[in-house]
Amino acid sequence: MNAMRLRRLPVLGCLTAGGLVLLTAGPAFAHVSVQPGQAEKGGYSTINFKVPNERDDSSTVKLEVTLPADHPLASVMPQPVPGWDVKVTKSKLPKPMEMHGEKISEAVTKVTWTGGKIEPGMFQQFPLSVGQLPDDADQLAFKALQTYDDKEVVRWIEEPKEGAAEPENPAPVLKLVAPAEGSDGDGAAAASGQDKDSEKAGAENSASKDASDDEDGSDTTARVLGIAGIVIGAAGVVFGVVASRRRSA
């Protein structure tokens, strides 16, 4: 009997340890993210920073997003969010960048939203229009700080690495993909082809209309000549009748 009890002790110890691991492993909380998760290289996109409130006893009252310094974005415009104030911070670039033929010496480096509140169990989206996205990068990481009304700050600043496990506080990441076929050069070629087809169709319609106008003009001329002939013929009959009566008289 004692031997059986001794054999069970290691098993019970393993089960107890496993139970402790399960009990102490907290739930995987949602984090600040970028939606949609990808955009085309070299283009412009509207992205949303989705901010869930992870606390049961406090509310989120501030979001601060730092834009990537290694790939500065010349155009950053926030969309108004009801109940929130937004502040856009610009900084001088160490090296001027060129955009649409113009040199730009400063760019937006930080966007901060304050004044609102995300209650427990809620989330809020903060939209930004950004561009021109780089064409020499595969992703952009936006480091975010989430502040609660109890002064706690959660730093979502760890950049995920490919092939590695997700960090505890991952930074929002925007994947950059190659432009879809037809969205750039191919699209312009297609539009040019459509313009040529439209011009050809317009020329054919114009020629058809001219031919129709010519036919209508010929018909009108024939009608006018016919009516004139009838009038002249009637006048001749009347003249003949009058002349015949004069001879009789």
C-alpha atoms as a PDB file:
ATOM      1  CA  MET A   1       0.000   0.000   0.000  1.00  0.00           C
ATOM      2  CA  ASN A   2       2.781   2.441   0.931  1.00  0.00           C
ATOM      3  CA  ALA A   3       4.623   1.567  -2.287  1.00  0.00           C
ATOM      4  CA  MET A   4       1.542   2.414  -4.363  1.00  0.00           C
ATOM      5  CA  ARG A   5       1.219   5.759  -2.602  1.00  0.00           C
ATOM      6  CA  LEU A   6       4.873   6.535  -3.288  1.00  0.00           C
ATOM      7  CA  ARG A   7       4.397   5.770  -7.001  1.00  0.00           C
ATOM      8  CA  ARG A   8       1.446   8.181  -7.178  1.00  0.00           C
ATOM      9  CA  LEU A   9       3.326  11.100  -5.627  1.00  0.00           C
ATOM     10  CA  PRO A  10       5.373  11.994  -8.761  1.00  0.00           C
ATOM     11  CA  VAL A  11       2.236  11.821 -10.889  1.00  0.00           C
ATOM     12  CA  LEU A  12       0.340  14.086  -8.523  1.00  0.00           C
ATOM     13  CA  GLY A  13       3.309  16.434  -8.423  1.00  0.00           C
ATOM     14  CA  CYS A  14       3.319  16.719 -12.241  1.00  0.00           C
ATOM     15  CA  LEU A  15      -0.408  17.324 -12.380  1.00  0.00           C
ATOM     16  CA  THR A  16      -0.153  19.966  -9.679  1.00  0.00           C
ATOM     17  CA  ALA A  17       2.692  21.734 -11.465  1.00  0.00           C
ATOM     18  CA  GLY A  18       0.766  21.649 -14.740  1.00  0.00           C
ATOM     19  CA  GLY A  19      -2.254  23.101 -13.009  1.00  0.00           C
ATOM     20  CA  LEU A  20      -0.163  25.945 -11.634  1.00  0.00           C
ATOM     21  CA  VAL A  21       1.169  26.729 -15.101  1.00  0.00           C
ATOM     22  CA  LEU A  22      -2.346  26.880 -16.501  1.00  0.00           C
ATOM     23  CA  LEU A  23      -3.544  29.060 -13.656  1.00  0.00           C
ATOM     24  CA  THR A  24      -0.663  31.509 -13.870  1.00  0.00           C
ATOM     25  CA  ALA A  25      -0.730  31.799 -17.677  1.00  0.00           C
ATOM     26  CA  GLY A  26      -2.736  34.957 -18.290  1.00  0.00           C
ATOM     27  CA  PRO A  27      -4.978  35.482 -21.324  1.00  0.00           C
ATOM     28  CA  ALA A  28      -3.453  36.857 -24.540  1.00  0.00           C
ATOM     29  CA  PHE A  29      -4.623  40.446 -24.615  1.00  0.00           C
ATOM     30  CA  ALA A  30      -5.285  42.354 -27.823  1.00  0.00           C
ATOM     31  CA  HIS A  31      -2.820  45.081 -28.677  1.00  0.00           C
ATOM     32  CA  VAL A  32      -2.679  48.280 -30.734  1.00  0.00           C
ATOM     33  CA  SER A  33      -2.659  47.317 -34.415  1.00  0.00           C
ATOM     34  CA  VAL A  34      -2.784  48.814 -37.927  1.00  0.00           C
ATOM     35  CA  GLN A  35      -5.765  48.070 -40.159  1.00  0.00           C
ATOM     36  CA  PRO A  36      -5.707  47.147 -42.940  1.00  0.00           C
ATOM     37  CA  GLY A  37      -2.493  45.298 -42.293  1.00  0.00           C
ATOM     38  CA  GLN A  38      -0.947  45.987 -45.687  1.00  0.00           C
ATOM     39  CA  ALA A  39      -0.651  48.657 -48.372  1.00  0.00           C
ATOM     40  CA  GLU A  40       0.989  49.037 -51.778  1.00  0.00           C
ATOM     41  CA  LYS A  41       4.553  50.245 -52.076  1.00  0.00           C
ATOM     42  CA  GLY A  42       5.033  53.723 -53.499  1.00  0.00           C
ATOM     43  CA  GLY A  43       1.391  54.706 -53.040  1.00  0.00           C
ATOM     44  CA  TYR A  44      -0.918  56.425 -50.574  1.00  0.00           C
ATOM     45  CA  SER A  45      -3.152  54.688 -48.059  1.00  0.00           C
ATOM     46  CA  THR A  46      -5.607  55.386 -45.259  1.00  0.00           C
ATOM     47  CA  ILE A  47      -4.728  53.322 -42.206  1.00  0.00           C
ATOM     48  CA  ASN A  48      -6.476  52.959 -38.843  1.00  0.00           C
ATOM     49  CA  PHE A  49      -4.813  52.448 -35.501  1.00  0.00           C
ATOM     50  CA  LYS A  50      -7.155  50.130 -33.630  1.00  0.00           C
ATOM     51  CA  VAL A  51      -6.830  50.631 -29.867  1.00  0.00           C
ATOM     52  CA  PRO A  52      -8.656  48.185 -27.568  1.00  0.00           C
ATOM     53  CA  ASN A  53      -8.971  48.842 -23.841  1.00  0.00           C
ATOM     54  CA  GLU A  54      -7.368  45.922 -22.016  1.00  0.00           C
ATOM     55  CA  ARG A  55      -8.232  47.003 -18.478  1.00  0.00           C
ATOM     56  CA  ASP A  56     -11.365  46.250 -16.480  1.00  0.00           C
ATOM     57  CA  ASP A  57     -11.000  49.144 -14.060  1.00  0.00           C
ATOM     58  CA  SER A  58      -9.539  52.015 -16.114  1.00  0.00           C
ATOM     59  CA  SER A  59      -9.982  53.768 -19.452  1.00  0.00           C
ATOM     60  CA  THR A  60      -7.558  54.687 -22.220  1.00  0.00           C
ATOM     61  CA  VAL A  61      -7.188  58.465 -22.431  1.00  0.00           C
ATOM     62  CA  LYS A  62      -4.186  58.976 -24.737  1.00  0.00           C
ATOM     63  CA  LEU A  63      -2.556  57.439 -27.798  1.00  0.00           C
ATOM     64  CA  GLU A  64       0.831  58.525 -29.086  1.00  0.00           C
ATOM     65  CA  VAL A  65       2.112  57.093 -32.373  1.00  0.00           C
ATOM     66  CA  THR A  66       5.689  57.628 -33.567  1.00  0.00           C
ATOM     67  CA  LEU A  67       6.243  57.346 -37.306  1.00  0.00           C
ATOM     68  CA  PRO A  68       9.287  55.499 -38.674  1.00  0.00           C
ATOM     69  CA  ALA A  69      12.338  57.745 -38.911  1.00  0.00           C
ATOM     70  CA  ASP A  70      14.187  55.566 -41.430  1.00  0.00           C
ATOM     71  CA  HIS A  71      11.371  55.994 -43.974  1.00  0.00           C
ATOM     72  CA  PRO A  72       9.829  59.446 -43.360  1.00  0.00           C
ATOM     73  CA  LEU A  73       6.382  60.121 -44.788  1.00  0.00           C
ATOM     74  CA  ALA A  74       5.959  63.530 -46.387  1.00  0.00           C
ATOM     75  CA  SER A  75       2.152  63.476 -46.267  1.00  0.00           C
ATOM     76  CA  VAL A  76       0.386  62.559 -43.011  1.00  0.00           C
ATOM     77  CA  MET A  77      -3.173  63.779 -42.395  1.00  0.00           C
ATOM     78  CA  PRO A  78      -5.323  62.661 -39.454  1.00  0.00           C
ATOM     79  CA  GLN A  79      -9.072  62.266 -39.786  1.00  0.00           C
ATOM     80  CA  PRO A  80     -11.053  63.944 -36.985  1.00  0.00           C
ATOM     81  CA  VAL A  81     -12.228  61.526 -34.281  1.00  0.00           C
ATOM     82  CA  PRO A  82     -15.291  62.739 -32.333  1.00  0.00           C
ATOM     83  CA  GLY A  83     -14.386  63.546 -28.724  1.00  0.00           C
ATOM     84  CA  TRP A  84     -10.626  63.472 -29.327  1.00  0.00           C
ATOM     85  CA  ASP A  85      -8.057  66.212 -29.934  1.00  0.00           C
ATOM     86  CA  VAL A  86      -5.161  65.482 -32.291  1.00  0.00           C
ATOM     87  CA  LYS A  87      -1.691  66.993 -32.391  1.00  0.00           C
ATOM     88  CA  VAL A  88       0.670  66.513 -35.336  1.00  0.00           C
ATOM     89  CA  THR A  89       4.388  66.952 -34.603  1.00  0.00           C
ATOM     90  CA  LYS A  90       6.851  67.688 -37.409  1.00  0.00           C
ATOM     91  CA  SER A  91      10.626  67.440 -37.247  1.00  0.00           C
ATOM     92  CA  LYS A  92      13.434  68.557 -39.519  1.00  0.00           C
ATOM     93  CA  LEU A  93      14.800  65.765 -41.656  1.00  0.00           C
ATOM     94  CA  PRO A  94      18.541  65.020 -41.463  1.00  0.00           C
ATOM     95  CA  LYS A  95      18.457  64.717 -45.247  1.00  0.00           C
ATOM     96  CA  PRO A  96      15.852  66.468 -47.439  1.00  0.00           C
ATOM     97  CA  MET A  97      13.638  64.167 -49.481  1.00  0.00           C
ATOM     98  CA  GLU A  98      12.086  64.768 -52.892  1.00  0.00           C
ATOM     99  CA  MET A  99       8.378  64.296 -53.569  1.00  0.00           C
ATOM    100  CA  HIS A 100       6.573  65.178 -56.804  1.00  0.00           C
ATOM    101  CA  GLY A 101       9.576  67.212 -57.918  1.00  0.00           C
ATOM    102  CA  GLU A 102       9.757  69.264 -54.709  1.00  0.00           C
ATOM    103  CA  LYS A 103      12.331  69.030 -51.931  1.00  0.00           C
ATOM    104  CA  ILE A 104      10.896  68.500 -48.435  1.00  0.00           C
ATOM    105  CA  SER A 105      13.018  69.326 -45.401  1.00  0.00           C
ATOM    106  CA  GLU A 106      10.600  68.263 -42.648  1.00  0.00           C
ATOM    107  CA  ALA A 107       8.094  65.473 -42.069  1.00  0.00           C
ATOM    108  CA  VAL A 108       5.562  64.309 -39.488  1.00  0.00           C
ATOM    109  CA  THR A 109       7.283  62.236 -36.820  1.00  0.00           C
ATOM    110  CA  LYS A 110       4.546  61.890 -34.201  1.00  0.00           C
ATOM    111  CA  VAL A 111       0.747  62.026 -33.906  1.00  0.00           C
ATOM    112  CA  THR A 112      -0.942  62.269 -30.498  1.00  0.00           C
ATOM    113  CA  TRP A 113      -4.638  61.865 -29.622  1.00  0.00           C
ATOM    114  CA  THR A 114      -5.939  63.091 -26.245  1.00  0.00           C
ATOM    115  CA  GLY A 115      -9.131  64.346 -24.596  1.00  0.00           C
ATOM    116  CA  GLY A 116     -11.264  61.289 -25.285  1.00  0.00           C
ATOM    117  CA  LYS A 117     -11.855  58.066 -23.427  1.00  0.00           C
ATOM    118  CA  ILE A 118     -11.991  54.381 -24.350  1.00  0.00           C
ATOM    119  CA  GLU A 119     -14.033  52.613 -21.696  1.00  0.00           C
ATOM    120  CA  PRO A 120     -13.345  49.034 -20.524  1.00  0.00           C
ATOM    121  CA  GLY A 121     -14.557  46.512 -23.085  1.00  0.00           C
ATOM    122  CA  MET A 122     -14.454  49.086 -25.909  1.00  0.00           C
ATOM    123  CA  PHE A 123     -12.061  50.004 -28.722  1.00  0.00           C
ATOM    124  CA  GLN A 124     -11.453  53.076 -30.857  1.00  0.00           C
ATOM    125  CA  GLN A 125      -9.981  53.588 -34.326  1.00  0.00           C
ATOM    126  CA  PHE A 126      -7.725  56.532 -35.186  1.00  0.00           C
ATOM    127  CA  PRO A 127      -7.443  57.073 -38.991  1.00  0.00           C
ATOM    128  CA  LEU A 128      -4.444  58.531 -40.808  1.00  0.00           C
ATOM    129  CA  SER A 129      -3.893  59.215 -44.494  1.00  0.00           C
ATOM    130  CA  VAL A 130      -0.220  58.497 -45.202  1.00  0.00           C
ATOM    131  CA  GLY A 131       2.092  58.645 -48.191  1.00  0.00           C
ATOM    132  CA  GLN A 132       4.085  58.401 -50.206  1.00  0.00           C
ATOM    133  CA  LEU A 133       4.883  54.922 -48.914  1.00  0.00           C
ATOM    134  CA  PRO A 134       8.445  53.732 -49.597  1.00  0.00           C
ATOM    135  CA  ASP A 135       9.096  51.296 -52.407  1.00  0.00           C
ATOM    136  CA  ASP A 136      12.344  49.966 -50.894  1.00  0.00           C
ATOM    137  CA  ALA A 137      10.904  48.494 -47.689  1.00  0.00           C
ATOM    138  CA  ASP A 138       8.722  45.493 -46.845  1.00  0.00           C
ATOM    139  CA  GLN A 139       7.104  46.930 -43.736  1.00  0.00           C
ATOM    140  CA  LEU A 140       6.768  50.005 -41.544  1.00  0.00           C
ATOM    141  CA  ALA A 141       6.652  49.820 -37.746  1.00  0.00           C
ATOM    142  CA  PHE A 142       4.724  52.489 -35.829  1.00  0.00           C
ATOM    143  CA  LYS A 143       5.671  52.581 -32.166  1.00  0.00           C
ATOM    144  CA  ALA A 144       2.667  53.400 -29.977  1.00  0.00           C
ATOM    145  CA  LEU A 145       2.186  54.454 -26.367  1.00  0.00           C
ATOM    146  CA  GLN A 146      -1.208  53.772 -24.769  1.00  0.00           C
ATOM    147  CA  THR A 147      -1.969  55.733 -21.599  1.00  0.00           C
ATOM    148  CA  TYR A 148      -4.718  54.896 -19.072  1.00  0.00           C
ATOM    149  CA  ASP A 149      -6.462  57.262 -16.694  1.00  0.00           C
ATOM    150  CA  ASP A 150      -4.597  55.696 -13.740  1.00  0.00           C
ATOM    151  CA  LYS A 151      -1.335  56.966 -15.340  1.00  0.00           C
ATOM    152  CA  GLU A 152      -0.271  53.515 -16.513  1.00  0.00           C
ATOM    153  CA  VAL A 153       1.500  53.554 -19.904  1.00  0.00           C
ATOM    154  CA  VAL A 154       1.707  50.488 -22.140  1.00  0.00           C
ATOM    155  CA  ARG A 155       4.541  50.726 -24.644  1.00  0.00           C
ATOM    156  CA  TRP A 156       3.754  48.928 -27.901  1.00  0.00           C
ATOM    157  CA  ILE A 157       7.250  49.388 -29.332  1.00  0.00           C
ATOM    158  CA  GLU A 158       8.781  45.938 -29.960  1.00  0.00           C
ATOM    159  CA  GLU A 159       9.184  45.225 -33.658  1.00  0.00           C
ATOM    160  CA  PRO A 160       8.149  41.661 -34.596  1.00  0.00           C
ATOM    161  CA  LYS A 161      10.833  39.628 -36.376  1.00  0.00           C
ATOM    162  CA  GLU A 162      10.102  37.143 -39.115  1.00  0.00           C
ATOM    163  CA  GLY A 163      10.295  33.553 -37.906  1.00  0.00           C
ATOM    164  CA  ALA A 164      10.344  34.584 -34.229  1.00  0.00           C
ATOM    165  CA  ALA A 165       7.571  34.447 -31.659  1.00  0.00           C
ATOM    166  CA  GLU A 166       5.438  37.555 -31.248  1.00  0.00           C
ATOM    167  CA  PRO A 167       6.938  39.890 -28.639  1.00  0.00           C
ATOM    168  CA  GLU A 168       5.050  40.736 -25.488  1.00  0.00           C
ATOM    169  CA  ASN A 169       4.365  44.318 -26.570  1.00  0.00           C
ATOM    170  CA  PRO A 170       4.488  44.312 -30.386  1.00  0.00           C
ATOM    171  CA  ALA A 171       4.510  47.572 -32.315  1.00  0.00           C
ATOM    172  CA  PRO A 172       1.803  48.093 -34.947  1.00  0.00           C
ATOM    173  CA  VAL A 173       3.242  46.981 -38.302  1.00  0.00           C
ATOM    174  CA  LEU A 174       2.095  47.884 -41.810  1.00  0.00           C
ATOM    175  CA  LYS A 175       3.155  45.339 -44.445  1.00  0.00           C
ATOM    176  CA  LEU A 176       4.162  46.785 -47.806  1.00  0.00           C
ATOM    177  CA  VAL A 177       3.390  44.781 -50.942  1.00  0.00           C
ATOM    178  CA  ALA A 178       4.073  45.230 -54.651  1.00  0.00           C
ATOM    179  CA  PRO A 179       1.426  47.268 -56.529  1.00  0.00           C
ATOM    180  CA  ALA A 180      -1.342  45.200 -58.076  1.00  0.00           C
ATOM    181  CA  GLU A 181      -1.165  44.678 -61.826  1.00  0.00           C
ATOM    182  CA  GLY A 182      -2.837  47.555 -63.624  1.00  0.00           C
ATOM    183  CA  SER A 183      -2.760  49.928 -60.650  1.00  0.00           C
ATOM    184  CA  ASP A 184       0.227  51.916 -61.992  1.00  0.00           C
ATOM    185  CA  GLY A 185       1.812  51.623 -65.436  1.00  0.00           C
ATOM    186  CA  ASP A 186      -0.498  48.879 -66.635  1.00  0.00           C
ATOM    187  CA  GLY A 187      -3.462  50.888 -65.474  1.00  0.00           C
ATOM    188  CA  ALA A 188      -2.281  53.931 -67.432  1.00  0.00           C
ATOM    189  CA  ALA A 189      -1.835  51.780 -70.537  1.00  0.00           C
ATOM    190  CA  ALA A 190      -5.305  50.360 -70.134  1.00  0.00           C
ATOM    191  CA  ALA A 191      -6.725  53.864 -69.717  1.00  0.00           C
ATOM    192  CA  SER A 192      -4.862  54.979 -72.852  1.00  0.00           C
ATOM    193  CA  GLY A 193      -6.318  52.037 -74.767  1.00  0.00           C
ATOM    194  CA  GLN A 194      -9.794  52.922 -73.565  1.00  0.00           C
ATOM    195  CA  ASP A 195      -9.277  56.529 -74.687  1.00  0.00           C
ATOM    196  CA  LYS A 196      -8.253  55.364 -78.154  1.00  0.00           C
ATOM    197  CA  ASP A 197     -11.284  53.085 -78.376  1.00  0.00           C
ATOM    198  CA  SER A 198     -13.501  55.975 -77.302  1.00  0.00           C
ATOM    199  CA  GLU A 199     -11.959  58.250 -79.938  1.00  0.00           C
ATOM    200  CA  LYS A 200     -12.482  55.593 -82.624  1.00  0.00           C
ATOM    201  CA  ALA A 201     -16.079  55.050 -81.580  1.00  0.00           C
ATOM    202  CA  GLY A 202     -16.632  58.825 -81.576  1.00  0.00           C
ATOM    203  CA  ALA A 203     -15.214  59.145 -85.098  1.00  0.00           C
ATOM    204  CA  GLU A 204     -17.456  56.329 -86.332  1.00  0.00           C
ATOM    205  CA  ASN A 205     -20.499  57.921 -84.716  1.00  0.00           C
ATOM    206  CA  SER A 206     -19.586  61.288 -86.244  1.00  0.00           C
ATOM    207  CA  ALA A 207     -19.236  59.766 -89.719  1.00  0.00           C
ATOM    208  CA  SER A 208     -22.556  57.974 -89.329  1.00  0.00           C
ATOM    209  CA  LYS A 209     -24.195  61.204 -88.198  1.00  0.00           C
ATOM    210  CA  ASP A 210     -22.753  63.115 -91.177  1.00  0.00           C
ATOM    211  CA  ALA A 211     -24.059  60.472 -93.578  1.00  0.00           C
ATOM    212  CA  SER A 212     -27.447  60.611 -91.915  1.00  0.00           C
ATOM    213  CA  ASP A 213     -27.435  64.418 -92.165  1.00  0.00           C
ATOM    214  CA  ASP A 214     -26.578  64.152 -95.875  1.00  0.00           C
ATOM    215  CA  GLU A 215     -29.461  61.767 -96.448  1.00  0.00           C
ATOM    216  CA  ASP A 216     -31.830  64.047 -94.537  1.00  0.00           C
ATOM    217  CA  GLY A 217     -30.626  67.026 -96.602  1.00  0.00           C
ATOM    218  CA  SER A 218     -31.208  65.158 -99.895  1.00  0.00           C
ATOM    219  CA  ASP A 219     -34.718  64.167 -98.830  1.00  0.00           C
ATOM    220  CA  THR A 220     -35.522  67.759 -97.877  1.00  0.00           C
ATOM    221  CA  THR A 221     -34.244  69.093-101.210  1.00  0.00           C
ATOM    222  CA  ALA A 222     -36.321  66.546-103.118  1.00  0.00           C
ATOM    223  CA  ARG A 223     -39.433  67.508-101.151  1.00  0.00           C
ATOM    224  CA  VAL A 224     -38.864  71.209-101.831  1.00  0.00           C
ATOM    225  CA  LEU A 225     -38.363  70.620-105.569  1.00  0.00           C
ATOM    226  CA  GLY A 226     -41.459  68.429-105.711  1.00  0.00           C
ATOM    227  CA  ILE A 227     -43.632  71.044-104.021  1.00  0.00           C
ATOM    228  CA  ALA A 228     -42.208  73.752-106.307  1.00  0.00           C
ATOM    229  CA  GLY A 229     -43.076  71.631-109.340  1.00  0.00           C
ATOM    230  CA  ILE A 230     -46.629  71.141-108.138  1.00  0.00           C
ATOM    231  CA  VAL A 231     -47.030  74.881-107.550  1.00  0.00           C
ATOM    232  CA  ILE A 232     -45.630  75.708-111.016  1.00  0.00           C
ATOM    233  CA  GLY A 233     -47.837  73.101-112.625  1.00  0.00           C
ATOM    234  CA  ALA A 234     -50.953  74.454-110.912  1.00  0.00           C
ATOM    235  CA  ALA A 235     -50.022  77.974-111.974  1.00  0.00           C
ATOM    236  CA  GLY A 236     -49.689  76.760-115.558  1.00  0.00           C
ATOM    237  CA  VAL A 237     -53.156  75.198-115.475  1.00  0.00           C
ATOM    238  CA  VAL A 238     -54.687  78.391-114.123  1.00  0.00           C
ATOM    239  CA  PHE A 239     -52.884  80.457-116.769  1.00  0.00           C
ATOM    240  CA  GLY A 240     -54.156  78.165-119.520  1.00  0.00           C
ATOM    241  CA  VAL A 241     -57.751  78.381-118.329  1.00  0.00           C
ATOM    242  CA  VAL A 242     -57.628  82.188-118.180  1.00  0.00           C
ATOM    243  CA  ALA A 243     -56.107  82.417-121.665  1.00  0.00           C
ATOM    244  CA  SER A 244     -58.751  80.093-123.126  1.00  0.00           C
ATOM    245  CA  ARG A 245     -61.577  82.223-121.714  1.00  0.00           C
ATOM    246  CA  ARG A 246     -60.040  85.373-123.152  1.00  0.00           C
ATOM    247  CA  ARG A 247     -59.914  83.799-126.636  1.00  0.00           C
ATOM    248  CA  SER A 248     -63.540  82.770-126.366  1.00  0.00           C
ATOM    249  CA  ALA A 249     -64.509  86.311-125.396  1.00  0.00           C
END
